[in-house]
Amino acid sequence: MNFSTDPMATSPEPMAVRFDENSMWVDLEDGRVIGVPLAWFPRLFHATPAQREACELSRCGLHWDEIDEDISIAGLLAGRGDMTHPVKSAA
C-alpha cells in the first residue's frame, strides 16, 4: 500500500466558494463546509466582490489570478491564514 504523508494529497477537493460580508465559505467534496474570516486573507478582504467571485478551483485549493492569491485546502483545514508575511513572535 502507498500511504502519503503529504496533506495536499489527502485534502478533499473544493466544490464551491462563496462569500458574505465578513467570511469566505468553501464547500468540500466530503460534505464539510469551511468558514474563515476574510481578515485572514488581506487580498481577498480588499478585493471587490467581482474579484472574489473570479475564483478558480483546483484539486489542491483556490486561486485568484487578478489579485494573485492562492489558498490551499490543507492550509484552511489547518487553520492557517495568509502566510505571505507571517507574524513574528517576540523573542
Foldseek 3Di string as FASTA:
>chain_A
DDDDPPVLVVFFWWDDWDDDLFWIWTQGPVGDIFIDGCVLPVLSNPDDRVQVRCWDTDSFFIARVVSGDTDGSSCSVVVHGDPPPDDDDDD
